[in-house]
Amino acid sequence: MEFPHGLRLLHWKPYPSKCLPSTFHPEYLVELDMQHSQLEKLWEGTQPLANLTKMNLSGSWDLKEVPDLSNATNLELLDLSGCMSLVEIPSSISNLHKLQELMMMFCINLECDSSDSSDQRSQRVSLSQKKLDDKTQLKTSTDRAFCVKLSNAFSALDGEADTG
């Protein structure tokens, strides 16, 4: 399957394959909406995503990983709600300074990627809106620093002061 070069909007609900084809080039992509897809991952490696502002993968039960989003510098919305197989969020999410909405309801197996340096993990996520539920738990077996910063950012948004 070939996607046109220069594609700006990709709305495909539900996308039937486990991964986008290796010939897919998202450098012009502004909006990716692939709710309720059979995706396990979007693509391999880091892609040029400077134009991407919205990514909605909600309800993609089989999604196991979110790609490296370090080049998605204009991303404003990331919806991963209902991605129940998702086990980690890349720590590059902490560098998405334009991110305003992060939705992760029912991400019941979520862990944090602790592979990046502590300097990168210490960056705070600044969001105007967030949506989590009580079943979503951020956990990691080796280093909780990034998770704590992410959790603190969420708490601050709720108006709950972190005293610990």
Protein backbone atom coordinates (compact mmCIF):
# COMPACT_ATOMS: atom_id res chain seq x y z
CA MET A 1 0.00 0.00 0.00
CA GLU A 2 1.36 3.41 -0.95
CA PHE A 3 0.48 6.71 0.67
CA PRO A 4 0.91 9.90 -1.35
CA HIS A 5 4.05 11.92 -0.66
CA GLY A 6 3.09 15.22 0.94
CA LEU A 7 0.12 13.72 2.81
CA ARG A 8 -1.11 16.24 5.41
CA LEU A 9 -4.13 14.50 6.94
CA LEU A 10 -4.40 10.78 7.64
CA HIS A 11 -7.76 9.70 9.03
CA TRP A 12 -8.28 5.95 8.84
CA LYS A 13 -10.60 4.32 11.35
CA PRO A 14 -9.89 1.46 11.85
CA TYR A 15 -6.55 0.91 10.15
CA PRO A 16 -6.31 -2.87 9.54
CA SER A 17 -2.53 -3.47 9.66
CA LYS A 18 -0.07 -3.78 12.56
CA CYS A 19 2.26 -1.05 11.28
CA LEU A 20 2.30 1.65 8.63
CA PRO A 21 4.34 0.64 5.56
CA SER A 22 8.06 1.46 5.55
CA THR A 23 7.42 3.63 2.48
CA PHE A 24 5.22 5.99 4.53
CA HIS A 25 6.85 9.42 4.93
CA PRO A 26 5.08 11.63 7.50
CA GLU A 27 7.16 14.81 7.14
CA TYR A 28 4.17 16.87 5.92
CA LEU A 29 1.62 15.21 8.18
CA VAL A 30 -0.39 17.68 10.28
CA GLU A 31 -3.00 15.35 11.73
CA LEU A 32 -2.97 11.59 12.28
CA ASP A 33 -6.27 10.05 13.39
CA MET A 34 -6.23 6.26 13.46
CA GLN A 35 -8.68 5.43 16.23
CA HIS A 36 -9.62 1.80 16.92
CA SER A 37 -6.85 0.51 14.66
CA GLN A 38 -5.07 -2.84 14.66
CA LEU A 39 -1.72 -1.05 14.99
CA GLU A 40 0.94 -2.48 17.28
CA LYS A 41 3.29 0.39 16.41
CA LEU A 42 3.19 3.22 13.90
CA TRP A 43 6.64 2.91 12.33
CA GLU A 44 10.28 2.10 12.99
CA GLY A 45 12.74 4.72 14.19
CA THR A 46 12.51 8.48 14.37
CA GLN A 47 10.53 10.29 11.70
CA PRO A 48 10.42 13.98 10.71
CA LEU A 49 7.23 15.18 12.42
CA ALA A 50 7.70 18.96 12.65
CA ASN A 51 4.26 19.65 11.11
CA LEU A 52 2.29 17.19 13.26
CA THR A 53 -0.16 18.91 15.63
CA LYS A 54 -2.64 16.13 16.45
CA MET A 55 -2.20 12.40 16.96
CA ASN A 56 -5.23 10.30 17.93
CA LEU A 57 -4.66 6.58 18.40
CA SER A 58 -7.43 6.09 20.95
CA GLY A 59 -9.05 2.68 21.16
CA SER A 60 -6.12 0.97 19.44
CA TRP A 61 -6.07 -1.94 21.90
CA ASP A 62 -3.08 -3.67 20.30
CA LEU A 63 -0.80 -0.62 20.28
CA LYS A 64 2.31 -1.57 22.27
CA GLU A 65 4.57 1.41 21.65
CA VAL A 66 4.40 5.06 20.73
CA PRO A 67 7.12 6.18 18.34
CA ASP A 68 9.88 8.59 19.28
CA LEU A 69 8.15 11.97 19.24
CA SER A 70 11.26 14.10 19.71
CA ASN A 71 10.76 15.67 16.27
CA ALA A 72 7.05 16.39 16.84
CA THR A 73 7.84 19.87 18.13
CA ASN A 74 4.39 21.27 17.24
CA LEU A 75 2.31 18.43 18.70
CA GLU A 76 -0.63 19.89 20.65
CA LEU A 77 -2.84 16.83 21.19
CA LEU A 78 -1.91 13.22 21.88
CA ASP A 79 -4.80 10.82 22.55
CA LEU A 80 -3.82 7.33 23.64
CA SER A 81 -7.01 6.56 25.57
CA GLY A 82 -7.96 2.92 25.50
CA CYS A 83 -4.57 1.73 24.25
CA MET A 84 -4.63 -1.11 26.76
CA SER A 85 -1.55 -2.92 25.39
CA LEU A 86 0.59 0.20 25.57
CA VAL A 87 3.44 -0.47 27.97
CA GLU A 88 5.54 2.69 27.69
CA ILE A 89 5.53 6.31 26.67
CA PRO A 90 8.84 7.61 25.31
CA SER A 91 10.47 10.14 27.60
CA SER A 92 10.75 12.45 24.57
CA ILE A 93 7.20 13.46 25.48
CA SER A 94 8.69 15.73 28.16
CA ASN A 95 10.21 17.88 25.39
CA LEU A 96 6.90 18.54 23.64
CA HIS A 97 6.49 22.11 24.84
CA LYS A 98 3.38 22.80 22.73
CA LEU A 99 1.53 19.72 24.00
CA GLN A 100 -1.75 20.91 25.52
CA GLU A 101 -3.82 17.72 25.71
CA LEU A 102 -2.54 14.29 26.70
CA MET A 103 -5.21 11.64 27.09
CA MET A 104 -4.25 8.26 28.52
CA MET A 105 -7.43 6.87 30.05
CA PHE A 106 -7.46 3.07 30.35
CA CYS A 107 -3.75 2.66 29.56
CA ILE A 108 -3.60 -0.01 32.24
CA ASN A 109 -0.14 -1.42 31.44
CA LEU A 110 1.72 1.86 31.05
CA GLU A 111 5.36 2.18 32.12
CA CYS A 112 7.88 4.95 31.58
CA ASP A 113 10.88 4.70 29.31
CA SER A 114 13.91 5.25 31.54
CA SER A 115 16.55 4.96 28.82
CA ASP A 116 17.19 8.69 28.44
CA SER A 117 19.52 10.75 30.58
CA SER A 118 18.35 12.18 33.87
CA ASP A 119 18.63 15.70 32.40
CA GLN A 120 16.04 14.83 29.77
CA ARG A 121 13.80 13.15 32.30
CA SER A 122 13.96 16.15 34.61
CA GLN A 123 12.18 18.33 32.06
CA ARG A 124 8.62 19.06 33.17
CA VAL A 125 5.61 18.37 31.01
CA SER A 126 3.44 21.47 30.86
CA LEU A 127 -0.10 20.67 29.82
CA SER A 128 -3.26 22.74 29.91
CA GLN A 129 -5.44 19.63 29.95
CA LYS A 130 -4.85 16.03 30.87
CA LYS A 131 -7.06 13.02 31.18
CA LEU A 132 -6.11 9.96 33.18
CA ASP A 133 -8.24 7.51 35.08
CA ASP A 134 -7.62 5.65 38.31
CA LYS A 135 -6.65 2.49 36.40
CA THR A 136 -3.76 4.19 34.61
CA GLN A 137 -0.59 3.72 36.61
CA LEU A 138 2.79 5.07 35.68
CA LYS A 139 5.43 2.59 36.77
CA THR A 140 9.01 1.65 36.03
CA SER A 141 11.29 -0.92 37.55
CA THR A 142 14.56 1.03 37.33
CA ASP A 143 14.09 4.78 37.58
CA ARG A 144 10.96 6.67 38.58
CA ALA A 145 12.31 10.19 37.95
CA PHE A 146 10.49 10.78 34.67
CA CYS A 147 7.28 9.25 35.99
CA VAL A 148 7.43 11.42 39.10
CA LYS A 149 7.90 14.57 37.02
CA LEU A 150 5.01 13.57 34.76
CA SER A 151 2.82 12.75 37.76
CA ASN A 152 3.76 16.05 39.43
CA ALA A 153 2.81 17.93 36.27
CA PHE A 154 -0.57 16.20 36.29
CA SER A 155 -1.05 16.96 39.99
CA ALA A 156 -0.22 20.61 39.46
CA LEU A 157 -2.83 20.79 36.73
CA ASP A 158 -5.39 19.39 39.14
CA GLY A 159 -4.43 22.02 41.71
CA GLU A 160 -3.05 19.40 44.07
CA ALA A 161 0.21 20.50 45.67
CA ASP A 162 2.86 17.82 45.86
CA THR A 163 4.17 17.80 49.41
CA GLY A 164 6.46 14.79 49.06
